[in-house]
Amino acid sequence: MLQTIINAIRTKQLLSFTYDGLPRLVEPHAVGLSTAGNQVMRCFQVGGSHKKAGHDWELVKLEKIGGLVATGKYFAGPRPGYKRGDSALSTIHAEL
């Protein structure tokens, strides 16, 4: 799973998965170890569902992701508001 996310970040490829039982379609921006010690991905959600409406940026735990698929569809690059060196990550494996 980690390598799929790293490859998707490097190639700017959309990812599809379920999280908390809900479908998600995201643009992955960074993946690494959170300051709390969890493997996480910072992503911008472009499709699917939310438990709480009104936000598009997500920090998702890799352990809660199911059915991860690289879609073969691509995005242009970082979304406005993205900052390299995400402060929520103590270690970054890959980032845009």
PDB file of N, CA and C in Angstrom:
ATOM      1  N   MET A   1       0.821  -1.192   0.000  1.00  0.00           N
ATOM      2  CA  MET A   1       0.000   0.000   0.000  1.00  0.00           C
ATOM      3  C   MET A   1       0.870   1.263   0.000  1.00  0.00           C
ATOM      4  N   LEU A   2       1.887   1.289   0.853  1.00  0.00           N
ATOM      5  CA  LEU A   2       2.737   2.469   0.932  1.00  0.00           C
ATOM      6  C   LEU A   2       3.383   2.774  -0.409  1.00  0.00           C
ATOM      7  N   GLN A   3       3.878   1.734  -1.090  1.00  0.00           N
ATOM      8  CA  GLN A   3       4.534   1.964  -2.381  1.00  0.00           C
ATOM      9  C   GLN A   3       3.539   2.461  -3.426  1.00  0.00           C
ATOM     10  N   THR A   4       2.310   1.984  -3.401  1.00  0.00           N
ATOM     11  CA  THR A   4       1.269   2.470  -4.321  1.00  0.00           C
ATOM     12  C   THR A   4       1.036   3.957  -4.109  1.00  0.00           C
ATOM     13  N   ILE A   5       0.988   4.391  -2.853  1.00  0.00           N
ATOM     14  CA  ILE A   5       0.772   5.810  -2.548  1.00  0.00           C
ATOM     15  C   ILE A   5       1.975   6.638  -2.988  1.00  0.00           C
ATOM     16  N   ILE A   6       3.178   6.157  -2.693  1.00  0.00           N
ATOM     17  CA  ILE A   6       4.394   6.867  -3.115  1.00  0.00           C
ATOM     18  C   ILE A   6       4.428   7.020  -4.630  1.00  0.00           C
ATOM     19  N   ASN A   7       4.123   5.948  -5.354  1.00  0.00           N
ATOM     20  CA  ASN A   7       4.098   6.012  -6.822  1.00  0.00           C
ATOM     21  C   ASN A   7       3.050   6.992  -7.311  1.00  0.00           C
ATOM     22  N   ALA A   8       1.880   7.006  -6.666  1.00  0.00           N
ATOM     23  CA  ALA A   8       0.802   7.917  -7.067  1.00  0.00           C
ATOM     24  C   ALA A   8       1.208   9.372  -6.833  1.00  0.00           C
ATOM     25  N   ILE A   9       1.910   9.640  -5.751  1.00  0.00           N
ATOM     26  CA  ILE A   9       2.392  11.001  -5.499  1.00  0.00           C
ATOM     27  C   ILE A   9       3.394  11.394  -6.580  1.00  0.00           C
ATOM     28  N   ARG A  10       4.328  10.516  -6.877  1.00  0.00           N
ATOM     29  CA  ARG A  10       5.371  10.819  -7.865  1.00  0.00           C
ATOM     30  C   ARG A  10       4.805  11.049  -9.259  1.00  0.00           C
ATOM     31  N   THR A  11       3.726  10.327  -9.610  1.00  0.00           N
ATOM     32  CA  THR A  11       3.144  10.440 -10.950  1.00  0.00           C
ATOM     33  C   THR A  11       1.898  11.315 -10.989  1.00  0.00           C
ATOM     34  N   LYS A  12       1.498  11.852  -9.817  1.00  0.00           N
ATOM     35  CA  LYS A  12       0.293  12.685  -9.686  1.00  0.00           C
ATOM     36  C   LYS A  12      -0.949  11.928 -10.170  1.00  0.00           C
ATOM     37  N   GLN A  13      -1.119  10.733  -9.629  1.00  0.00           N
ATOM     38  CA  GLN A  13      -2.233   9.864 -10.004  1.00  0.00           C
ATOM     39  C   GLN A  13      -3.287   9.828  -8.896  1.00  0.00           C
ATOM     40  N   LEU A  14      -4.552   9.926  -9.278  1.00  0.00           N
ATOM     41  CA  LEU A  14      -5.653   9.830  -8.319  1.00  0.00           C
ATOM     42  C   LEU A  14      -5.707   8.443  -7.695  1.00  0.00           C
ATOM     43  N   LEU A  15      -6.087   8.410  -6.418  1.00  0.00           N
ATOM     44  CA  LEU A  15      -6.275   7.155  -5.696  1.00  0.00           C
ATOM     45  C   LEU A  15      -7.733   7.009  -5.287  1.00  0.00           C
ATOM     46  N   SER A  16      -8.205   5.775  -5.330  1.00  0.00           N
ATOM     47  CA  SER A  16      -9.559   5.447  -4.901  1.00  0.00           C
ATOM     48  C   SER A  16      -9.449   4.440  -3.755  1.00  0.00           C
ATOM     49  N   PHE A  17     -10.274   4.609  -2.712  1.00  0.00           N
ATOM     50  CA  PHE A  17     -10.267   3.685  -1.589  1.00  0.00           C
ATOM     51  C   PHE A  17     -11.506   3.911  -0.733  1.00  0.00           C
ATOM     52  N   THR A  18     -11.697   3.035   0.231  1.00  0.00           N
ATOM     53  CA  THR A  18     -12.738   3.262   1.235  1.00  0.00           C
ATOM     54  C   THR A  18     -12.045   3.642   2.546  1.00  0.00           C
ATOM     55  N   TYR A  19     -12.723   4.501   3.310  1.00  0.00           N
ATOM     56  CA  TYR A  19     -12.194   4.966   4.594  1.00  0.00           C
ATOM     57  C   TYR A  19     -13.388   5.197   5.501  1.00  0.00           C
ATOM     58  N   ASP A  20     -13.363   4.588   6.655  1.00  0.00           N
ATOM     59  CA  ASP A  20     -14.520   4.644   7.553  1.00  0.00           C
ATOM     60  C   ASP A  20     -15.779   4.184   6.842  1.00  0.00           C
ATOM     61  N   GLY A  21     -15.621   3.212   5.939  1.00  0.00           N
ATOM     62  CA  GLY A  21     -16.758   2.656   5.225  1.00  0.00           C
ATOM     63  C   GLY A  21     -17.282   3.503   4.083  1.00  0.00           C
ATOM     64  N   LEU A  22     -16.634   4.630   3.803  1.00  0.00           N
ATOM     65  CA  LEU A  22     -17.095   5.543   2.753  1.00  0.00           C
ATOM     66  C   LEU A  22     -16.115   5.567   1.587  1.00  0.00           C
ATOM     67  N   PRO A  23     -16.624   5.648   0.344  1.00  0.00           N
ATOM     68  CA  PRO A  23     -15.730   5.730  -0.815  1.00  0.00           C
ATOM     69  C   PRO A  23     -15.054   7.095  -0.889  1.00  0.00           C
ATOM     70  N   ARG A  24     -13.798   7.092  -1.290  1.00  0.00           N
ATOM     71  CA  ARG A  24     -13.033   8.335  -1.431  1.00  0.00           C
ATOM     72  C   ARG A  24     -12.278   8.298  -2.757  1.00  0.00           C
ATOM     73  N   LEU A  25     -12.176   9.464  -3.394  1.00  0.00           N
ATOM     74  CA  LEU A  25     -11.318   9.661  -4.561  1.00  0.00           C
ATOM     75  C   LEU A  25     -10.458  10.866  -4.218  1.00  0.00           C
ATOM     76  N   VAL A  26      -9.128  10.677  -4.202  1.00  0.00           N
ATOM     77  CA  VAL A  26      -8.248  11.727  -3.693  1.00  0.00           C
ATOM     78  C   VAL A  26      -7.040  11.975  -4.584  1.00  0.00           C
ATOM     79  N   GLU A  27      -6.507  13.184  -4.437  1.00  0.00           N
ATOM     80  CA  GLU A  27      -5.210  13.557  -4.990  1.00  0.00           C
ATOM     81  C   GLU A  27      -4.219  13.453  -3.826  1.00  0.00           C
ATOM     82  N   PRO A  28      -3.323  12.462  -3.837  1.00  0.00           N
ATOM     83  CA  PRO A  28      -2.361  12.330  -2.740  1.00  0.00           C
ATOM     84  C   PRO A  28      -1.281  13.402  -2.824  1.00  0.00           C
ATOM     85  N   HIS A  29      -0.980  14.038  -1.713  1.00  0.00           N
ATOM     86  CA  HIS A  29       0.028  15.100  -1.677  1.00  0.00           C
ATOM     87  C   HIS A  29       1.261  14.730  -0.857  1.00  0.00           C
ATOM     88  N   ALA A  30       1.091  13.944   0.205  1.00  0.00           N
ATOM     89  CA  ALA A  30       2.222  13.527   1.035  1.00  0.00           C
ATOM     90  C   ALA A  30       1.856  12.254   1.789  1.00  0.00           C
ATOM     91  N   VAL A  31       2.882  11.473   2.099  1.00  0.00           N
ATOM     92  CA  VAL A  31       2.691  10.269   2.909  1.00  0.00           C
ATOM     93  C   VAL A  31       3.888  10.143   3.835  1.00  0.00           C
ATOM     94  N   GLY A  32       3.604   9.723   5.074  1.00  0.00           N
ATOM     95  CA  GLY A  32       4.692   9.568   6.034  1.00  0.00           C
ATOM     96  C   GLY A  32       4.189   9.176   7.398  1.00  0.00           C
ATOM     97  N   LEU A  33       5.045   9.407   8.380  1.00  0.00           N
ATOM     98  CA  LEU A  33       4.742   9.083   9.759  1.00  0.00           C
ATOM     99  C   LEU A  33       4.260  10.348  10.459  1.00  0.00           C
ATOM    100  N   SER A  34       3.091  10.260  11.093  1.00  0.00           N
ATOM    101  CA  SER A  34       2.540  11.431  11.792  1.00  0.00           C
ATOM    102  C   SER A  34       3.301  11.673  13.087  1.00  0.00           C
ATOM    103  N   THR A  35       3.097  12.846  13.644  1.00  0.00           N
ATOM    104  CA  THR A  35       3.720  13.166  14.924  1.00  0.00           C
ATOM    105  C   THR A  35       3.187  12.268  16.038  1.00  0.00           C
ATOM    106  N   ALA A  36       2.030  11.627  15.811  1.00  0.00           N
ATOM    107  CA  ALA A  36       1.454  10.686  16.774  1.00  0.00           C
ATOM    108  C   ALA A  36       1.951   9.258  16.548  1.00  0.00           C
ATOM    109  N   GLY A  37       2.786   9.053  15.503  1.00  0.00           N
ATOM    110  CA  GLY A  37       3.363   7.741  15.239  1.00  0.00           C
ATOM    111  C   GLY A  37       2.583   6.856  14.290  1.00  0.00           C
ATOM    112  N   ASN A  38       1.612   7.410  13.562  1.00  0.00           N
ATOM    113  CA  ASN A  38       0.811   6.636  12.608  1.00  0.00           C
ATOM    114  C   ASN A  38       1.284   6.887  11.179  1.00  0.00           C
ATOM    115  N   GLN A  39       1.204   5.856  10.329  1.00  0.00           N
ATOM    116  CA  GLN A  39       1.448   6.047   8.904  1.00  0.00           C
ATOM    117  C   GLN A  39       0.210   6.749   8.334  1.00  0.00           C
ATOM    118  N   VAL A  40       0.406   7.914   7.702  1.00  0.00           N
ATOM    119  CA  VAL A  40      -0.714   8.717   7.225  1.00  0.00           C
ATOM    120  C   VAL A  40      -0.442   9.274   5.832  1.00  0.00           C
ATOM    121  N   MET A  41      -1.521   9.689   5.181  1.00  0.00           N
ATOM    122  CA  MET A  41      -1.442  10.336   3.879  1.00  0.00           C
ATOM    123  C   MET A  41      -2.203  11.655   3.947  1.00  0.00           C
ATOM    124  N   ARG A  42      -1.577  12.724   3.492  1.00  0.00           N
ATOM    125  CA  ARG A  42      -2.254  14.012   3.320  1.00  0.00           C
ATOM    126  C   ARG A  42      -2.789  14.011   1.891  1.00  0.00           C
ATOM    127  N   CYS A  43      -4.075  14.245   1.746  1.00  0.00           N
ATOM    128  CA  CYS A  43      -4.676  14.188   0.419  1.00  0.00           C
ATOM    129  C   CYS A  43      -5.793  15.221   0.293  1.00  0.00           C
ATOM    130  N   PHE A  44      -6.132  15.517  -0.950  1.00  0.00           N
ATOM    131  CA  PHE A  44      -7.230  16.420  -1.262  1.00  0.00           C
ATOM    132  C   PHE A  44      -8.325  15.576  -1.890  1.00  0.00           C
ATOM    133  N   GLN A  45      -9.488  15.538  -1.257  1.00  0.00           N
ATOM    134  CA  GLN A  45     -10.581  14.690  -1.734  1.00  0.00           C
ATOM    135  C   GLN A  45     -11.352  15.382  -2.843  1.00  0.00           C
ATOM    136  N   VAL A  46     -11.470  14.696  -3.987  1.00  0.00           N
ATOM    137  CA  VAL A  46     -12.180  15.250  -5.144  1.00  0.00           C
ATOM    138  C   VAL A  46     -13.463  14.490  -5.457  1.00  0.00           C
ATOM    139  N   GLY A  47     -13.697  13.380  -4.774  1.00  0.00           N
ATOM    140  CA  GLY A  47     -14.914  12.612  -5.003  1.00  0.00           C
ATOM    141  C   GLY A  47     -15.170  11.662  -3.854  1.00  0.00           C
ATOM    142  N   GLY A  48     -16.388  11.131  -3.803  1.00  0.00           N
ATOM    143  CA  GLY A  48     -16.753  10.218  -2.734  1.00  0.00           C
ATOM    144  C   GLY A  48     -17.521  10.927  -1.639  1.00  0.00           C
ATOM    145  N   SER A  49     -17.448  10.367  -0.432  1.00  0.00           N
ATOM    146  CA  SER A  49     -18.257  10.859   0.684  1.00  0.00           C
ATOM    147  C   SER A  49     -17.388  11.291   1.862  1.00  0.00           C
ATOM    148  N   HIS A  50     -17.979  12.105   2.731  1.00  0.00           N
ATOM    149  CA  HIS A  50     -17.360  12.555   3.974  1.00  0.00           C
ATOM    150  C   HIS A  50     -18.265  12.177   5.138  1.00  0.00           C
ATOM    151  N   LYS A  51     -17.672  11.938   6.296  1.00  0.00           N
ATOM    152  CA  LYS A  51     -18.493  11.806   7.511  1.00  0.00           C
ATOM    153  C   LYS A  51     -18.988  13.173   7.940  1.00  0.00           C
ATOM    154  N   LYS A  52     -18.126  14.195   7.781  1.00  0.00           N
ATOM    155  CA  LYS A  52     -18.508  15.572   8.081  1.00  0.00           C
ATOM    156  C   LYS A  52     -18.270  16.400   6.820  1.00  0.00           C
ATOM    157  N   ALA A  53     -19.283  17.102   6.372  1.00  0.00           N
ATOM    158  CA  ALA A  53     -19.171  17.925   5.163  1.00  0.00           C
ATOM    159  C   ALA A  53     -18.369  19.190   5.455  1.00  0.00           C
ATOM    160  N   GLY A  54     -17.925  19.842   4.378  1.00  0.00           N
ATOM    161  CA  GLY A  54     -17.319  21.146   4.519  1.00  0.00           C
ATOM    162  C   GLY A  54     -15.808  21.174   4.512  1.00  0.00           C
ATOM    163  N   HIS A  55     -15.162  20.078   4.153  1.00  0.00           N
ATOM    164  CA  HIS A  55     -13.703  20.093   4.055  1.00  0.00           C
ATOM    165  C   HIS A  55     -13.264  19.159   2.930  1.00  0.00           C
ATOM    166  N   ASP A  56     -12.140  19.464   2.314  1.00  0.00           N
ATOM    167  CA  ASP A  56     -11.614  18.633   1.238  1.00  0.00           C
ATOM    168  C   ASP A  56     -10.248  18.043   1.575  1.00  0.00           C
ATOM    169  N   TRP A  57      -9.466  18.746   2.418  1.00  0.00           N
ATOM    170  CA  TRP A  57      -8.169  18.224   2.834  1.00  0.00           C
ATOM    171  C   TRP A  57      -8.384  17.144   3.887  1.00  0.00           C
ATOM    172  N   GLU A  58      -7.656  16.034   3.745  1.00  0.00           N
ATOM    173  CA  GLU A  58      -7.766  14.922   4.688  1.00  0.00           C
ATOM    174  C   GLU A  58      -6.376  14.485   5.132  1.00  0.00           C
ATOM    175  N   LEU A  59      -6.261  14.013   6.342  1.00  0.00           N
ATOM    176  CA  LEU A  59      -5.087  13.314   6.836  1.00  0.00           C
ATOM    177  C   LEU A  59      -5.609  11.949   7.262  1.00  0.00           C
ATOM    178  N   VAL A  60      -5.369  10.943   6.440  1.00  0.00           N
ATOM    179  CA  VAL A  60      -5.955   9.624   6.668  1.00  0.00           C
ATOM    180  C   VAL A  60      -4.900   8.633   7.151  1.00  0.00           C
ATOM    181  N   LYS A  61      -5.304   7.768   8.070  1.00  0.00           N
ATOM    182  CA  LYS A  61      -4.422   6.714   8.567  1.00  0.00           C
ATOM    183  C   LYS A  61      -4.424   5.565   7.565  1.00  0.00           C
ATOM    184  N   LEU A  62      -3.233   5.111   7.182  1.00  0.00           N
ATOM    185  CA  LEU A  62      -3.133   4.037   6.195  1.00  0.00           C
ATOM    186  C   LEU A  62      -3.795   2.758   6.695  1.00  0.00           C
ATOM    187  N   GLU A  63      -3.747   2.497   7.990  1.00  0.00           N
ATOM    188  CA  GLU A  63      -4.331   1.276   8.539  1.00  0.00           C
ATOM    189  C   GLU A  63      -5.847   1.224   8.371  1.00  0.00           C
ATOM    190  N   LYS A  64      -6.492   2.359   8.143  1.00  0.00           N
ATOM    191  CA  LYS A  64      -7.946   2.409   7.992  1.00  0.00           C
ATOM    192  C   LYS A  64      -8.389   2.431   6.525  1.00  0.00           C
ATOM    193  N   ILE A  65      -7.426   2.413   5.592  1.00  0.00           N
ATOM    194  CA  ILE A  65      -7.737   2.435   4.162  1.00  0.00           C
ATOM    195  C   ILE A  65      -8.024   1.017   3.686  1.00  0.00           C
ATOM    196  N   GLY A  66      -9.099   0.872   2.907  1.00  0.00           N
ATOM    197  CA  GLY A  66      -9.426  -0.412   2.299  1.00  0.00           C
ATOM    198  C   GLY A  66      -9.554  -0.269   0.794  1.00  0.00           C
ATOM    199  N   GLY A  67      -9.209  -1.318   0.064  1.00  0.00           N
ATOM    200  CA  GLY A  67      -9.409  -1.355  -1.380  1.00  0.00           C
ATOM    201  C   GLY A  67      -8.677  -0.275  -2.150  1.00  0.00           C
ATOM    202  N   LEU A  68      -7.473   0.050  -1.746  1.00  0.00           N
ATOM    203  CA  LEU A  68      -6.699   1.111  -2.407  1.00  0.00           C
ATOM    204  C   LEU A  68      -6.388   0.752  -3.853  1.00  0.00           C
ATOM    205  N   VAL A  69      -6.702   1.692  -4.771  1.00  0.00           N
ATOM    206  CA  VAL A  69      -6.450   1.486  -6.198  1.00  0.00           C
ATOM    207  C   VAL A  69      -5.927   2.782  -6.809  1.00  0.00           C
ATOM    208  N   ALA A  70      -4.841   2.666  -7.565  1.00  0.00           N
ATOM    209  CA  ALA A  70      -4.393   3.783  -8.393  1.00  0.00           C
ATOM    210  C   ALA A  70      -5.282   3.774  -9.634  1.00  0.00           C
ATOM    211  N   THR A  71      -5.940   4.892  -9.915  1.00  0.00           N
ATOM    212  CA  THR A  71      -7.013   4.920 -10.913  1.00  0.00           C
ATOM    213  C   THR A  71      -6.552   4.994 -12.363  1.00  0.00           C
ATOM    214  N   GLY A  72      -5.316   5.423 -12.601  1.00  0.00           N
ATOM    215  CA  GLY A  72      -4.880   5.651 -13.984  1.00  0.00           C
ATOM    216  C   GLY A  72      -5.292   7.025 -14.486  1.00  0.00           C
ATOM    217  N   LYS A  73      -5.917   7.822 -13.616  1.00  0.00           N
ATOM    218  CA  LYS A  73      -6.272   9.206 -13.947  1.00  0.00           C
ATOM    219  C   LYS A  73      -5.324  10.124 -13.180  1.00  0.00           C
ATOM    220  N   TYR A  74      -5.011  11.265 -13.770  1.00  0.00           N
ATOM    221  CA  TYR A  74      -3.960  12.124 -13.226  1.00  0.00           C
ATOM    222  C   TYR A  74      -4.479  13.517 -12.878  1.00  0.00           C
ATOM    223  N   PHE A  75      -3.749  14.202 -11.992  1.00  0.00           N
ATOM    224  CA  PHE A  75      -4.078  15.577 -11.630  1.00  0.00           C
ATOM    225  C   PHE A  75      -2.870  16.457 -11.916  1.00  0.00           C
ATOM    226  N   ALA A  76      -3.110  17.765 -12.016  1.00  0.00           N
ATOM    227  CA  ALA A  76      -2.095  18.703 -12.502  1.00  0.00           C
ATOM    228  C   ALA A  76      -0.949  18.941 -11.526  1.00  0.00           C
ATOM    229  N   GLY A  77      -1.218  18.952 -10.240  1.00  0.00           N
ATOM    230  CA  GLY A  77      -0.172  19.241  -9.266  1.00  0.00           C
ATOM    231  C   GLY A  77      -0.769  19.659  -7.948  1.00  0.00           C
ATOM    232  N   PRO A  78       0.048  20.233  -7.070  1.00  0.00           N
ATOM    233  CA  PRO A  78      -0.433  20.593  -5.741  1.00  0.00           C
ATOM    234  C   PRO A  78      -1.619  21.550  -5.768  1.00  0.00           C
ATOM    235  N   ARG A  79      -2.540  21.328  -4.868  1.00  0.00           N
ATOM    236  CA  ARG A  79      -3.695  22.208  -4.691  1.00  0.00           C
ATOM    237  C   ARG A  79      -3.275  23.464  -3.938  1.00  0.00           C
ATOM    238  N   PRO A  80      -3.973  24.569  -4.182  1.00  0.00           N
ATOM    239  CA  PRO A  80      -3.709  25.773  -3.372  1.00  0.00           C
ATOM    240  C   PRO A  80      -3.882  25.441  -1.888  1.00  0.00           C
ATOM    241  N   GLY A  81      -2.995  25.951  -1.094  1.00  0.00           N
ATOM    242  CA  GLY A  81      -3.048  25.695   0.338  1.00  0.00           C
ATOM    243  C   GLY A  81      -2.143  24.572   0.797  1.00  0.00           C
ATOM    244  N   TYR A  82      -1.595  23.805  -0.153  1.00  0.00           N
ATOM    245  CA  TYR A  82      -0.677  22.733   0.242  1.00  0.00           C
ATOM    246  C   TYR A  82       0.693  23.312   0.561  1.00  0.00           C
ATOM    247  N   LYS A  83       1.281  22.844   1.657  1.00  0.00           N
ATOM    248  CA  LYS A  83       2.615  23.296   2.057  1.00  0.00           C
ATOM    249  C   LYS A  83       3.543  22.094   2.152  1.00  0.00           C
ATOM    250  N   ARG A  84       4.631  22.122   1.394  1.00  0.00           N
ATOM    251  CA  ARG A  84       5.643  21.067   1.514  1.00  0.00           C
ATOM    252  C   ARG A  84       6.170  21.056   2.948  1.00  0.00           C
ATOM    253  N   GLY A  85       6.611  19.885   3.386  1.00  0.00           N
ATOM    254  CA  GLY A  85       7.117  19.775   4.742  1.00  0.00           C
ATOM    255  C   GLY A  85       5.999  19.801   5.767  1.00  0.00           C
ATOM    256  N   ASP A  86       4.889  19.158   5.454  1.00  0.00           N
ATOM    257  CA  ASP A  86       3.683  19.118   6.295  1.00  0.00           C
ATOM    258  C   ASP A  86       4.048  18.944   7.772  1.00  0.00           C
ATOM    259  N   SER A  87       3.646  19.884   8.594  1.00  0.00           N
ATOM    260  CA  SER A  87       4.007  19.861  10.014  1.00  0.00           C
ATOM    261  C   SER A  87       3.315  18.735  10.792  1.00  0.00           C
ATOM    262  N   ALA A  88       2.294  18.109  10.211  1.00  0.00           N
ATOM    263  CA  ALA A  88       1.634  16.978  10.868  1.00  0.00           C
ATOM    264  C   ALA A  88       2.445  15.694  10.707  1.00  0.00           C
ATOM    265  N   LEU A  89       3.471  15.727   9.854  1.00  0.00           N
ATOM    266  CA  LEU A  89       4.299  14.551   9.597  1.00  0.00           C
ATOM    267  C   LEU A  89       5.693  14.736  10.198  1.00  0.00           C
ATOM    268  N   SER A  90       6.092  13.780  11.021  1.00  0.00           N
ATOM    269  CA  SER A  90       7.447  13.831  11.585  1.00  0.00           C
ATOM    270  C   SER A  90       8.468  13.255  10.617  1.00  0.00           C
ATOM    271  N   THR A  91       8.032  12.321   9.776  1.00  0.00           N
ATOM    272  CA  THR A  91       8.856  11.741   8.713  1.00  0.00           C
ATOM    273  C   THR A  91       8.036  11.722   7.441  1.00  0.00           C
ATOM    274  N   ILE A  92       8.608  12.212   6.351  1.00  0.00           N
ATOM    275  CA  ILE A  92       7.909  12.233   5.066  1.00  0.00           C
ATOM    276  C   ILE A  92       8.582  11.238   4.123  1.00  0.00           C
ATOM    277  N   HIS A  93       7.791  10.279   3.616  1.00  0.00           N
ATOM    278  CA  HIS A  93       8.308   9.285   2.672  1.00  0.00           C
ATOM    279  C   HIS A  93       8.273   9.830   1.245  1.00  0.00           C
ATOM    280  N   ALA A  94       7.239  10.615   0.925  1.00  0.00           N
ATOM    281  CA  ALA A  94       7.101  11.216  -0.407  1.00  0.00           C
ATOM    282  C   ALA A  94       6.130  12.384  -0.297  1.00  0.00           C
ATOM    283  N   GLU A  95       6.367  13.420  -1.121  1.00  0.00           N
ATOM    284  CA  GLU A  95       5.455  14.563  -1.162  1.00  0.00           C
ATOM    285  C   GLU A  95       5.561  15.231  -2.522  1.00  0.00           C
ATOM    286  N   LEU A  96       4.517  15.985  -2.887  1.00  0.00           N
ATOM    287  CA  LEU A  96       4.547  16.743  -4.139  1.00  0.00           C
ATOM    288  C   LEU A  96       5.521  17.893  -3.999  1.00  0.00           C
TER     289      LEU A  96
END
